[in-house]
Amino acid sequence: MPIVNRIAEFHPEIAAWRRDFHAHPELLFDVHRTAAQVAEKLKAFGCDEVVPGIGRTGVVGVIKGRKQAAGGRAKVIGLRADMDALPIEEATGLPYQSTVPGKMHACGHDGHTAMLLGAAKYLAETRNFSGTAVVIFQPAEEGGGGGREMVNDGMMDRFGIEEVYGMHNYPGMPAGAFGMRPGPMMAAADYVEIEIEGKGAHAARPHLGVDPILVGAQMVNQLQSIVSRNIDPLESGVVSICVFKAGTTNNVIPQTAKLAGTIRSLTDAVRDRLEVRVKEICEGVAKLHGATARIRYHRGYPVTVNHAEQTAFAAEVASEIAGAERVNDNLAPLMGAEDFSYMLNARPGAFIFIGNGDSAGLHHPAYDFNDDAIPAGSSYWVRLVEKAMPA
């Protein structure tokens, strides 16, 4: 079965919703306008239940099939989209570009929300499935951990969700094509801040001080040895120092310096090893030079791990929509992070990518979600429900 005909009819309407969300971006948990629009539409579609305020500002809609499963036990599956934007100044020049200075939908969450709304409209209208579909609209994916907050708010148990599925757009993949893999799909994202305390001195008399800039430079270099010499070459890891702050003038060795960066991994074992070695190297380098290092290591989103059975099922559904030749079921893992990981830790499921065509990259000021992907994305959600819970 290719694109669902009724979804194709909805396409202009779904695209209009998407462009409205794009013009009115909101950050983290402050997605009040977006969440209100989502809840209003779900109610208008005739969802059996619409619950706002899950995970602070998330919205959940419940759509029951028109038939009970055999034996009277109805299966429940969750479908998740994220709603928040990014603190980026838009540079697209589009007619529907952001109306909010310094904020834009640079990651396509406007498209994710619109596609799931389109599917919800169809499912509420046809109800050609047994069991229950739970549509999940999540805030604060971009660093706020909205997925974690919804899970911690009891969402899975409250709505009886047994399996959960997510989807994200993928620039560079043909529009409407799909990609996924079982196992680790996206990386854990941890963060480190290092405050180096040296001894300030006149730049002409460096022997009387302890130069925190020199110490920091050595740390940056030595930290790069972790992945190359402490991690199995067949495993994946990233250590990126992205902040180096020190000094205020050209003839004074400062007292302090600050480094900050991100550490990425695809397995718990590598994650643990990276944390240990980052701390050991920073402390050791500081001591070697007579300085001290204060290290704050924060564990962020966990690894996004797809469950094998659900991923195979997602690939099967995607192949029905796009054709097997446009589905890559062994897509290479990404070292980016995703807080859908918290939902996959709570329930079995799969996170997949849908192609966004030849667009600017994610988090780029010239990025825009490709509306041509909408029919495939919404059809995927519809067929996933109907195939998982046949009437």
Protein backbone atom coordinates (compact mmCIF):
# COMPACT_ATOMS: atom_id res chain seq x y z
CA MET A 1 0.00 0.00 0.00
CA PRO A 2 1.55 3.35 -1.00
CA ILE A 3 0.54 6.80 0.28
CA VAL A 4 -2.91 6.71 1.90
CA ASN A 5 -5.30 8.48 -0.47
CA ARG A 6 -7.12 10.34 2.29
CA ILE A 7 -3.79 11.56 3.67
CA ALA A 8 -2.90 12.84 0.20
CA GLU A 9 -6.14 14.83 0.30
CA PHE A 10 -5.15 16.25 3.71
CA HIS A 11 -1.70 17.25 2.44
CA PRO A 12 -2.39 20.97 1.84
CA GLU A 13 -4.12 21.25 5.22
CA ILE A 14 -1.29 19.50 7.06
CA ALA A 15 1.27 21.70 5.30
CA ALA A 16 -0.68 24.78 6.38
CA TRP A 17 -0.58 23.63 10.01
CA ARG A 18 3.15 23.02 9.67
CA ARG A 19 3.81 26.49 8.29
CA ASP A 20 1.77 28.09 11.05
CA PHE A 21 3.84 26.24 13.67
CA HIS A 22 6.97 27.31 11.80
CA ALA A 23 5.97 30.97 11.95
CA HIS A 24 5.38 30.78 15.71
CA PRO A 25 8.30 28.83 17.24
CA GLU A 26 8.50 28.18 20.98
CA LEU A 27 11.36 26.84 23.08
CA LEU A 28 11.71 23.97 25.53
CA PHE A 29 8.67 23.68 27.83
CA ASP A 30 7.26 27.08 26.83
CA VAL A 31 5.28 25.60 23.94
CA HIS A 32 1.96 26.97 25.17
CA ARG A 33 0.62 28.19 21.81
CA THR A 34 1.69 25.04 19.99
CA ALA A 35 0.30 22.73 22.67
CA ALA A 36 -2.99 24.64 22.72
CA GLN A 37 -3.31 24.36 18.93
CA VAL A 38 -2.53 20.65 19.08
CA ALA A 39 -5.11 20.03 21.82
CA GLU A 40 -7.73 22.07 19.98
CA LYS A 41 -7.23 20.10 16.78
CA LEU A 42 -7.27 16.73 18.53
CA LYS A 43 -10.58 17.64 20.15
CA ALA A 44 -11.98 18.79 16.80
CA PHE A 45 -10.93 15.50 15.22
CA GLY A 46 -13.04 13.66 17.79
CA CYS A 47 -10.35 11.96 19.82
CA ASP A 48 -11.79 9.96 22.70
CA GLU A 49 -9.59 11.77 25.20
CA VAL A 50 -7.28 14.77 25.02
CA VAL A 51 -5.03 15.43 28.00
CA PRO A 52 -2.76 18.48 28.19
CA GLY A 53 -0.12 19.12 30.82
CA ILE A 54 1.65 15.75 30.63
CA GLY A 55 5.33 16.31 31.35
CA ARG A 56 4.49 19.95 32.10
CA THR A 57 3.32 21.07 28.64
CA GLY A 58 2.96 17.88 26.63
CA VAL A 59 -0.34 16.81 25.05
CA VAL A 60 -1.69 13.27 24.71
CA GLY A 61 -4.60 12.21 22.53
CA VAL A 62 -6.36 8.84 22.75
CA ILE A 63 -8.04 7.27 19.69
CA LYS A 64 -9.87 3.99 20.12
CA GLY A 65 -10.39 1.60 17.24
CA ARG A 66 -13.90 0.63 16.23
CA LYS A 67 -13.34 -3.05 16.93
CA GLN A 68 -11.99 -4.94 19.91
CA ALA A 69 -9.07 -7.28 19.47
CA ALA A 70 -9.65 -11.02 19.68
CA GLY A 71 -10.29 -12.08 23.25
CA GLY A 72 -11.41 -8.58 24.19
CA ARG A 73 -7.93 -7.29 25.06
CA ALA A 74 -7.10 -4.12 23.20
CA LYS A 75 -3.46 -3.39 22.35
CA VAL A 76 -2.19 0.15 22.95
CA ILE A 77 0.62 1.76 20.98
CA GLY A 78 2.07 5.27 21.31
CA LEU A 79 3.18 7.56 18.48
CA ARG A 80 5.38 10.50 19.44
CA ALA A 81 6.19 13.89 17.86
CA ASP A 82 8.19 16.76 19.37
CA MET A 83 6.96 20.37 19.36
CA ASP A 84 9.79 22.70 20.42
CA ALA A 85 12.04 24.94 18.33
CA LEU A 86 15.60 26.27 18.73
CA PRO A 87 17.18 29.58 19.84
CA ILE A 88 18.42 30.39 16.31
CA GLU A 89 17.82 33.45 14.13
CA GLU A 90 16.12 32.24 10.95
CA ALA A 91 17.76 33.01 7.60
CA THR A 92 15.40 31.37 5.09
CA GLY A 93 13.46 34.41 3.85
CA LEU A 94 10.38 32.22 3.48
CA PRO A 95 6.89 33.76 3.50
CA TYR A 96 6.12 31.77 6.65
CA GLN A 97 9.48 32.31 8.36
CA SER A 98 9.67 32.81 12.10
CA THR A 99 7.87 35.85 13.49
CA VAL A 100 9.80 35.55 16.76
CA PRO A 101 13.30 37.06 16.82
CA GLY A 102 15.99 34.59 17.82
CA LYS A 103 13.77 31.51 17.56
CA MET A 104 13.10 29.14 14.68
CA HIS A 105 12.08 25.61 13.83
CA ALA A 106 15.55 24.58 12.67
CA CYS A 107 15.10 20.87 13.41
CA GLY A 108 11.75 20.11 11.76
CA HIS A 109 9.65 19.61 14.87
CA ASP A 110 6.98 21.71 13.16
CA GLY A 111 6.81 19.00 10.49
CA HIS A 112 6.85 16.16 13.03
CA THR A 113 3.91 17.70 14.90
CA ALA A 114 1.94 18.38 11.71
CA MET A 115 2.46 14.86 10.32
CA LEU A 116 1.25 13.21 13.52
CA LEU A 117 -1.75 15.55 13.62
CA GLY A 118 -2.59 14.51 10.06
CA ALA A 119 -2.43 10.87 11.06
CA ALA A 120 -4.56 11.55 14.16
CA LYS A 121 -7.23 13.20 12.01
CA TYR A 122 -7.36 10.18 9.72
CA LEU A 123 -7.34 7.62 12.53
CA ALA A 124 -10.10 9.41 14.44
CA GLU A 125 -12.16 9.62 11.27
CA THR A 126 -11.78 6.00 10.07
CA ARG A 127 -10.96 4.01 13.25
CA ASN A 128 -10.13 1.06 11.03
CA PHE A 129 -8.14 -0.74 13.70
CA SER A 130 -8.60 -2.62 16.94
CA GLY A 131 -7.01 -1.46 20.15
CA THR A 132 -5.97 2.10 20.97
CA ALA A 133 -3.61 4.61 19.38
CA VAL A 134 -2.09 7.18 21.73
CA VAL A 135 -0.66 10.25 19.99
CA ILE A 136 2.05 11.97 22.05
CA PHE A 137 3.11 15.58 21.48
CA GLN A 138 6.23 16.27 23.50
CA PRO A 139 7.86 19.53 24.60
CA ALA A 140 11.55 20.24 25.24
CA GLU A 141 13.36 17.70 23.09
CA GLU A 142 16.09 20.26 22.41
CA GLY A 143 17.98 19.90 25.66
CA GLY A 144 15.13 20.00 28.17
CA GLY A 145 14.41 16.30 28.46
CA GLY A 146 10.70 16.56 27.75
CA GLY A 147 10.58 12.85 26.93
CA ARG A 148 11.96 12.04 30.37
CA GLU A 149 9.42 14.36 31.99
CA MET A 150 6.48 12.73 30.21
CA VAL A 151 7.67 9.26 31.23
CA ASN A 152 8.26 10.41 34.83
CA ASP A 153 4.76 11.89 34.83
CA GLY A 154 3.41 8.34 34.51
CA MET A 155 2.34 8.60 30.87
CA MET A 156 3.11 5.00 29.92
CA ASP A 157 1.11 3.48 32.76
CA ARG A 158 -1.65 6.07 32.73
CA PHE A 159 -2.51 5.40 29.08
CA GLY A 160 -1.52 1.73 29.07
CA ILE A 161 1.08 2.18 26.32
CA GLU A 162 2.71 -1.14 25.40
CA GLU A 163 4.90 -0.06 22.45
CA VAL A 164 6.10 3.38 21.39
CA TYR A 165 7.34 4.76 18.07
CA GLY A 166 9.07 7.99 17.05
CA MET A 167 10.17 9.64 13.80
CA HIS A 168 12.60 12.41 12.81
CA ASN A 169 13.41 14.02 9.49
CA TYR A 170 16.82 13.43 7.87
CA PRO A 171 18.34 16.05 5.53
CA GLY A 172 20.24 14.47 2.65
CA MET A 173 17.97 11.42 2.47
CA PRO A 174 15.46 11.53 -0.42
CA ALA A 175 12.16 13.09 0.65
CA GLY A 176 9.75 10.43 1.84
CA ALA A 177 12.37 7.68 2.05
CA PHE A 178 12.99 5.98 5.40
CA GLY A 179 15.97 4.79 7.43
CA MET A 180 16.34 2.86 10.67
CA ARG A 181 18.38 0.14 12.39
CA PRO A 182 17.93 -2.18 15.37
CA GLY A 183 20.08 -1.56 18.43
CA PRO A 184 21.90 1.72 19.16
CA MET A 185 20.50 4.34 16.78
CA MET A 186 21.62 7.63 18.33
CA ALA A 187 24.23 8.45 20.94
CA ALA A 188 24.19 9.28 24.61
CA ALA A 189 25.05 12.96 25.10
CA ASP A 190 27.07 13.91 28.17
CA TYR A 191 28.60 17.28 29.00
CA VAL A 192 31.68 18.38 30.90
CA GLU A 193 32.79 21.71 32.37
CA ILE A 194 36.38 22.10 33.59
CA GLU A 195 37.53 25.04 35.68
CA ILE A 196 41.32 25.32 35.83
CA GLU A 197 42.91 27.25 38.69
CA GLY A 198 46.48 28.34 38.06
CA LYS A 199 48.46 31.29 39.33
CA GLY A 200 48.28 34.64 37.61
CA ALA A 201 51.44 36.47 36.64
CA HIS A 202 52.88 39.14 34.36
CA ALA A 203 53.25 37.73 30.85
CA ALA A 204 56.92 38.74 30.85
CA ARG A 205 57.59 36.67 33.99
CA PRO A 206 55.78 33.36 33.30
CA HIS A 207 58.08 31.42 35.62
CA LEU A 208 56.41 33.13 38.59
CA GLY A 209 52.95 31.86 37.67
CA VAL A 210 51.09 28.73 36.67
CA ASP A 211 49.58 29.31 33.24
CA PRO A 212 46.00 27.92 33.05
CA ILE A 213 45.96 28.50 29.29
CA LEU A 214 48.89 26.16 28.82
CA VAL A 215 47.22 23.64 31.13
CA GLY A 216 43.96 23.91 29.20
CA ALA A 217 45.70 23.50 25.86
CA GLN A 218 47.38 20.33 27.12
CA MET A 219 44.04 19.03 28.36
CA VAL A 220 42.42 19.57 24.97
CA ASN A 221 45.21 17.66 23.27
CA GLN A 222 45.30 14.82 25.79
CA LEU A 223 41.53 14.38 25.83
CA GLN A 224 41.71 13.48 22.14
CA SER A 225 43.77 10.42 23.08
CA ILE A 226 40.78 8.83 24.82
CA VAL A 227 38.92 7.78 21.67
CA SER A 228 42.09 6.89 19.76
CA ARG A 229 43.80 4.94 22.57
CA ASN A 230 41.27 3.99 25.26
CA ILE A 231 38.22 2.94 23.20
CA ASP A 232 38.03 -0.23 21.10
CA PRO A 233 38.46 0.82 17.44
CA LEU A 234 35.28 -1.09 16.61
CA GLU A 235 33.30 1.02 19.09
CA SER A 236 32.24 4.67 18.73
CA GLY A 237 33.00 7.66 20.90
CA VAL A 238 33.33 11.42 20.57
CA VAL A 239 35.09 13.91 22.82
CA SER A 240 34.66 17.49 21.61
CA ILE A 241 35.86 20.50 23.62
CA CYS A 242 33.84 23.41 22.27
CA VAL A 243 34.50 26.17 24.82
CA PHE A 244 37.88 27.61 25.91
CA LYS A 245 37.69 30.84 27.89
CA ALA A 246 40.66 32.55 29.57
CA GLY A 247 42.29 35.93 29.98
CA THR A 248 41.26 39.51 29.29
CA THR A 249 44.41 41.21 28.00
CA ASN A 250 47.59 40.43 26.06
CA ASN A 251 50.19 40.86 28.80
CA VAL A 252 48.72 39.06 31.79
CA ILE A 253 48.74 35.33 32.45
CA PRO A 254 45.26 34.78 33.95
CA GLN A 255 44.47 32.98 37.16
CA THR A 256 41.78 30.73 35.67
CA ALA A 257 40.56 29.14 32.47
CA LYS A 258 37.38 27.31 31.58
CA LEU A 259 36.78 24.44 29.14
CA ALA A 260 33.48 22.84 28.20
CA GLY A 261 32.44 20.19 25.74
CA THR A 262 30.33 17.18 24.89
CA ILE A 263 31.05 13.45 25.11
CA ARG A 264 29.10 10.99 22.95
CA SER A 265 28.83 7.19 23.01
CA LEU A 266 26.67 4.35 21.73
CA THR A 267 27.05 1.83 24.57
CA ASP A 268 26.96 2.03 28.35
CA ALA A 269 30.43 0.48 28.62
CA VAL A 270 31.99 3.13 26.39
CA ARG A 271 30.02 5.83 28.19
CA ASP A 272 31.43 4.75 31.55
CA ARG A 273 34.97 4.53 30.18
CA LEU A 274 34.79 8.00 28.64
CA GLU A 275 33.68 9.57 31.91
CA VAL A 276 36.46 7.93 33.90
CA ARG A 277 39.18 8.90 31.44
CA VAL A 278 37.98 12.51 31.01
CA LYS A 279 38.22 13.02 34.78
CA GLU A 280 41.56 11.22 35.11
CA ILE A 281 43.20 13.18 32.29
CA CYS A 282 41.96 16.57 33.43
CA GLU A 283 43.03 15.99 37.01
CA GLY A 284 46.36 14.51 35.96
CA VAL A 285 47.28 17.27 33.52
CA ALA A 286 46.38 19.94 36.06
CA LYS A 287 48.52 18.29 38.75
CA LEU A 288 51.44 17.85 36.34
CA HIS A 289 51.59 21.62 35.82
CA GLY A 290 50.93 22.63 39.41
CA ALA A 291 47.34 23.71 38.80
CA THR A 292 44.02 22.34 40.02
CA ALA A 293 40.96 21.30 38.03
CA ARG A 294 37.34 21.36 39.14
CA ILE A 295 35.36 18.99 36.88
CA ARG A 296 31.59 18.94 36.54
CA TYR A 297 30.45 15.97 34.47
CA HIS A 298 26.77 15.78 33.56
CA ARG A 299 25.09 12.76 32.02
CA GLY A 300 22.48 13.86 29.50
CA TYR A 301 20.23 11.87 27.19
CA PRO A 302 20.93 8.11 27.18
CA VAL A 303 21.63 6.05 24.07
CA THR A 304 18.60 5.69 21.80
CA VAL A 305 18.27 1.91 21.43
CA ASN A 306 15.78 0.47 18.97
CA HIS A 307 14.16 -2.85 19.85
CA ALA A 308 14.73 -5.49 17.17
CA GLU A 309 11.13 -6.76 16.75
CA GLN A 310 9.58 -3.29 16.60
CA THR A 311 12.29 -1.99 14.25
CA ALA A 312 11.70 -4.86 11.83
CA PHE A 313 7.99 -4.07 11.96
CA ALA A 314 8.64 -0.35 11.35
CA ALA A 315 10.79 -1.23 8.33
CA GLU A 316 8.01 -3.42 6.97
CA VAL A 317 5.46 -0.62 7.31
CA ALA A 318 7.83 1.93 5.79
CA SER A 319 8.44 -0.39 2.81
CA GLU A 320 4.71 -0.57 2.17
CA ILE A 321 4.57 3.23 2.04
CA ALA A 322 7.77 4.11 0.21
CA GLY A 323 8.77 0.86 -1.51
CA ALA A 324 11.52 -1.45 -0.26
CA GLU A 325 14.11 0.27 -2.45
CA ARG A 326 13.56 3.52 -0.52
CA VAL A 327 13.95 1.99 2.96
CA ASN A 328 17.36 1.47 4.56
CA ASP A 329 16.94 -0.91 7.49
CA ASN A 330 20.65 -0.81 8.36
CA LEU A 331 21.26 2.93 8.55
CA ALA A 332 24.53 3.84 10.25
CA PRO A 333 24.08 5.12 13.83
CA LEU A 334 24.25 8.87 14.42
CA MET A 335 26.29 10.51 17.18
CA GLY A 336 23.56 13.08 17.70
CA ALA A 337 21.26 12.54 20.71
CA GLU A 338 17.51 12.22 21.13
CA ASP A 339 15.37 12.16 24.26
CA PHE A 340 12.99 9.64 22.72
CA SER A 341 15.59 7.36 24.33
CA TYR A 342 13.73 7.73 27.63
CA MET A 343 10.54 6.39 26.07
CA LEU A 344 12.40 3.47 24.48
CA ASN A 345 13.90 2.69 27.89
CA ALA A 346 10.38 2.53 29.29
CA ARG A 347 8.72 0.53 26.50
CA PRO A 348 9.78 -1.46 23.41
CA GLY A 349 9.60 0.46 20.16
CA ALA A 350 11.51 2.02 17.29
CA PHE A 351 12.80 5.42 16.23
CA ILE A 352 13.10 5.96 12.48
CA PHE A 353 14.16 8.68 10.05
CA ILE A 354 12.21 10.11 7.13
CA GLY A 355 14.07 11.81 4.30
CA ASN A 356 13.95 15.61 4.07
CA GLY A 357 15.56 15.81 0.65
CA ASP A 358 18.37 18.16 -0.31
CA SER A 359 17.84 20.69 2.49
CA ALA A 360 20.12 22.60 4.82
CA GLY A 361 21.27 20.57 7.79
CA LEU A 362 19.50 20.34 11.14
CA HIS A 363 20.10 23.30 13.48
CA HIS A 364 21.15 25.49 10.54
CA PRO A 365 19.55 28.96 10.12
CA ALA A 366 18.65 28.13 6.50
CA TYR A 367 16.94 24.81 7.33
CA ASP A 368 13.29 24.18 6.49
CA PHE A 369 11.19 21.04 6.80
CA ASN A 370 10.26 19.62 3.39
CA ASP A 371 6.49 19.54 3.01
CA ASP A 372 6.86 16.91 0.27
CA ALA A 373 7.66 14.40 3.04
CA ILE A 374 4.30 14.91 4.76
CA PRO A 375 2.21 12.31 2.86
CA ALA A 376 4.77 9.56 3.49
CA GLY A 377 5.22 10.50 7.15
CA SER A 378 1.53 10.68 7.99
CA SER A 379 0.81 7.52 5.97
CA TYR A 380 3.53 5.68 7.90
CA TRP A 381 1.84 6.54 11.20
CA VAL A 382 -1.57 5.46 9.88
CA ARG A 383 -0.40 2.15 8.46
CA LEU A 384 1.67 1.40 11.55
CA VAL A 385 -1.48 1.60 13.68
CA GLU A 386 -3.67 -0.30 11.24
CA LYS A 387 -1.08 -3.02 10.69
CA ALA A 388 -0.13 -3.39 14.36
CA MET A 389 -3.77 -3.58 15.42
CA PRO A 390 -5.79 -4.89 12.47
CA ALA A 391 -9.54 -4.52 12.76
